[in-house]
Amino acid sequence: MKFKKFYYKKVNSTNDTALKHISKGLERGIIIADYQNKGKGQRGKNWISFKGNLFMSLFFQIEKKLSLKKITKLNTLIIKECLKKFTTYKIKIKLPNDILINNQKVCGILQETIFARHKKFLVVGIGININKSPKIKNYPTNFINFFTKKNVKRLDLIKIISNVYEKKIVKFN
């Protein structure tokens, strides 16, 4: 299942932009932004968005009655699989939605479900620190290029994540 990609210079949040596309009748897509004004994290926290990092949200219809716990596990495993292509460091999942390398957060995932036109949709927001990471008190962070021999490029990461989701989308339905 192919995803149409929508590129933006700046958005409030990629998840909010995905929700707008769903409300306009689109069934699936990927929102990619160079910058987010109000990136969203878990439990209402902000996602700090440094230029050069990856901010994207995938949205698609889901039919199965999957628990949020199972959806979260699928999404974190998919992103972990994608990041493994770039580093030999051990990648861990810190529940519910963080990806760590060397016990430092490099990625956060935010899932939202929405009902529109009698259908259920999943929005998967993915923030990956590629070139720079925020300083968060009592929570070590880092960026993926710190752990690689060859610099990861945003477009390469977008392509890999898109391809994996296009192949694994059946697990959500």
Protein backbone atom coordinates (compact mmCIF):
# COMPACT_ATOMS: atom_id res chain seq x y z
CA MET A 1 0.00 0.00 0.00
CA LYS A 2 1.66 3.23 -1.17
CA PHE A 3 1.56 6.41 0.88
CA LYS A 4 1.32 9.83 -0.72
CA LYS A 5 3.91 12.16 0.80
CA PHE A 6 3.13 15.76 1.77
CA TYR A 7 6.15 18.00 2.41
CA TYR A 8 5.94 21.20 4.46
CA LYS A 9 8.53 23.77 5.51
CA LYS A 10 6.77 24.46 8.81
CA VAL A 11 3.69 23.09 10.60
CA ASN A 12 2.32 23.31 14.11
CA SER A 13 2.65 19.53 14.38
CA THR A 14 2.80 16.77 11.79
CA ASN A 15 0.10 14.83 13.69
CA ASP A 16 -2.26 17.82 13.61
CA THR A 17 -1.60 18.22 9.88
CA ALA A 18 -2.34 14.51 9.34
CA LEU A 19 -5.64 14.89 11.23
CA LYS A 20 -6.59 17.76 8.88
CA HIS A 21 -5.87 15.58 5.83
CA ILE A 22 -8.06 12.82 7.26
CA SER A 23 -10.89 15.29 7.89
CA LYS A 24 -10.63 16.32 4.20
CA GLY A 25 -11.26 12.71 3.14
CA LEU A 26 -7.77 11.33 2.55
CA GLU A 27 -7.33 7.66 3.48
CA ARG A 28 -3.53 7.52 3.98
CA GLY A 29 -0.40 9.57 3.64
CA ILE A 30 2.80 10.80 5.18
CA ILE A 31 3.29 14.32 6.50
CA ILE A 32 6.91 15.49 6.57
CA ALA A 33 8.00 18.86 7.91
CA ASP A 34 11.30 20.68 8.14
CA TYR A 35 10.14 22.26 11.38
CA GLN A 36 7.29 22.03 13.91
CA ASN A 37 6.14 25.00 15.99
CA LYS A 38 4.26 22.85 18.48
CA GLY A 39 5.51 19.28 18.14
CA LYS A 40 3.56 16.90 20.37
CA GLY A 41 4.90 14.33 22.80
CA GLN A 42 3.27 11.88 25.20
CA ARG A 43 0.88 13.13 27.87
CA GLY A 44 0.69 16.65 26.43
CA LYS A 45 4.44 17.27 26.50
CA ASN A 46 6.14 19.24 23.73
CA TRP A 47 8.46 17.62 21.21
CA ILE A 48 11.45 19.91 20.74
CA SER A 49 12.03 20.30 17.00
CA PHE A 50 15.52 21.17 15.84
CA LYS A 51 15.97 21.85 12.13
CA GLY A 52 17.65 18.93 10.37
CA ASN A 53 15.93 16.29 12.48
CA LEU A 54 13.04 14.16 11.23
CA PHE A 55 9.42 15.07 11.94
CA MET A 56 6.87 12.91 10.19
CA SER A 57 3.42 11.44 10.69
CA LEU A 58 1.93 8.53 8.83
CA PHE A 59 -1.84 8.14 8.70
CA PHE A 60 -3.95 5.26 7.48
CA GLN A 61 -7.20 3.46 8.10
CA ILE A 62 -7.18 0.54 10.53
CA GLU A 63 -9.89 -2.09 10.73
CA LYS A 64 -8.75 -4.50 13.41
CA LYS A 65 -9.60 -3.82 16.99
CA LEU A 66 -6.01 -3.55 18.13
CA SER A 67 -5.20 -2.37 21.61
CA LEU A 68 -3.13 0.78 21.98
CA LYS A 69 -0.49 -1.37 23.65
CA LYS A 70 -0.23 -3.63 20.57
CA ILE A 71 -0.20 -0.64 18.18
CA THR A 72 2.57 0.97 20.23
CA LYS A 73 4.61 -2.23 20.18
CA LEU A 74 4.24 -2.59 16.39
CA ASN A 75 5.29 1.01 15.78
CA THR A 76 8.31 0.94 18.10
CA LEU A 77 9.50 -2.35 16.55
CA ILE A 78 9.17 -0.90 13.03
CA ILE A 79 11.21 2.19 13.89
CA LYS A 80 13.79 0.13 15.77
CA GLU A 81 14.16 -2.07 12.66
CA CYS A 82 14.67 1.02 10.48
CA LEU A 83 17.31 2.55 12.78
CA LYS A 84 19.24 -0.73 12.94
CA LYS A 85 20.22 -0.16 9.31
CA PHE A 86 22.43 2.76 10.40
CA THR A 87 24.22 1.67 13.56
CA THR A 88 25.74 -1.33 15.26
CA TYR A 89 24.94 0.05 18.72
CA LYS A 90 22.26 -1.74 20.70
CA ILE A 91 18.86 -0.13 20.20
CA LYS A 92 16.31 -0.48 22.99
CA ILE A 93 12.67 0.36 23.32
CA LYS A 94 11.74 2.25 26.48
CA LEU A 95 8.04 1.79 27.01
CA PRO A 96 5.75 3.12 25.98
CA ASN A 97 7.17 4.97 22.96
CA ASP A 98 10.85 5.92 23.12
CA ILE A 99 13.75 4.49 21.15
CA LEU A 100 17.12 4.57 22.92
CA ILE A 101 20.64 4.01 21.71
CA ASN A 102 23.23 3.56 24.44
CA ASN A 103 20.45 4.43 26.94
CA GLN A 104 19.93 7.85 25.32
CA LYS A 105 16.67 8.86 23.65
CA VAL A 106 16.99 9.36 19.89
CA CYS A 107 13.35 8.91 18.89
CA GLY A 108 9.83 9.38 20.20
CA ILE A 109 6.60 8.05 18.71
CA LEU A 110 3.14 9.48 19.31
CA GLN A 111 0.03 7.57 18.19
CA GLU A 112 -3.45 8.96 17.90
CA THR A 113 -6.65 7.39 16.66
CA ILE A 114 -9.49 9.27 15.07
CA PHE A 115 -12.90 8.28 13.78
CA ALA A 116 -13.92 9.98 10.54
CA ARG A 117 -16.58 9.02 8.02
CA HIS A 118 -17.44 5.88 10.07
CA LYS A 119 -13.84 4.67 9.79
CA LYS A 120 -11.02 4.39 12.29
CA PHE A 121 -7.67 5.96 11.43
CA LEU A 122 -4.27 5.73 13.07
CA VAL A 123 -1.82 8.64 13.07
CA VAL A 124 1.76 7.70 13.92
CA GLY A 125 3.95 10.69 14.73
CA ILE A 126 7.66 9.98 14.58
CA GLY A 127 10.37 12.35 15.77
CA ILE A 128 13.96 11.25 15.26
CA ASN A 129 16.95 13.27 16.40
CA ILE A 130 19.28 12.97 13.42
CA ASN A 131 21.78 15.82 13.89
CA LYS A 132 20.97 17.46 17.20
CA SER A 133 19.19 16.56 20.42
CA PRO A 134 17.54 18.67 23.09
CA LYS A 135 18.84 18.79 26.63
CA ILE A 136 16.14 17.35 28.89
CA LYS A 137 16.63 17.42 32.63
CA ASN A 138 17.06 13.91 34.08
CA TYR A 139 16.58 12.26 30.67
CA PRO A 140 19.66 11.67 28.51
CA THR A 141 19.16 12.32 24.79
CA ASN A 142 21.32 12.04 21.72
CA PHE A 143 21.08 11.95 17.93
CA ILE A 144 21.44 9.10 15.45
CA ASN A 145 24.46 10.53 13.62
CA PHE A 146 26.42 10.41 16.88
CA PHE A 147 26.19 6.59 16.66
CA THR A 148 26.93 6.08 12.95
CA LYS A 149 30.03 5.91 10.81
CA LYS A 150 28.23 7.36 7.79
CA ASN A 151 25.92 10.36 8.23
CA VAL A 152 22.25 9.50 8.06
CA LYS A 153 20.34 11.77 5.71
CA ARG A 154 16.72 12.71 6.40
CA LEU A 155 15.52 11.66 2.94
CA ASP A 156 17.15 8.23 3.28
CA LEU A 157 15.45 7.70 6.64
CA ILE A 158 12.08 8.86 5.24
CA LYS A 159 12.40 6.41 2.35
CA ILE A 160 13.28 3.48 4.60
CA ILE A 161 10.48 4.19 7.10
CA SER A 162 7.95 4.67 4.27
CA ASN A 163 8.95 1.40 2.61
CA VAL A 164 8.75 -0.59 5.85
CA TYR A 165 5.30 0.81 6.69
CA GLU A 166 4.05 0.12 3.16
CA LYS A 167 5.06 -3.53 3.61
CA LYS A 168 3.90 -3.95 7.23
CA ILE A 169 0.61 -2.04 7.08
CA VAL A 170 -1.23 -5.38 6.85
CA LYS A 171 -0.32 -6.03 10.50
CA PHE A 172 -2.60 -3.14 11.42
CA ASN A 173 -5.58 -4.52 9.45
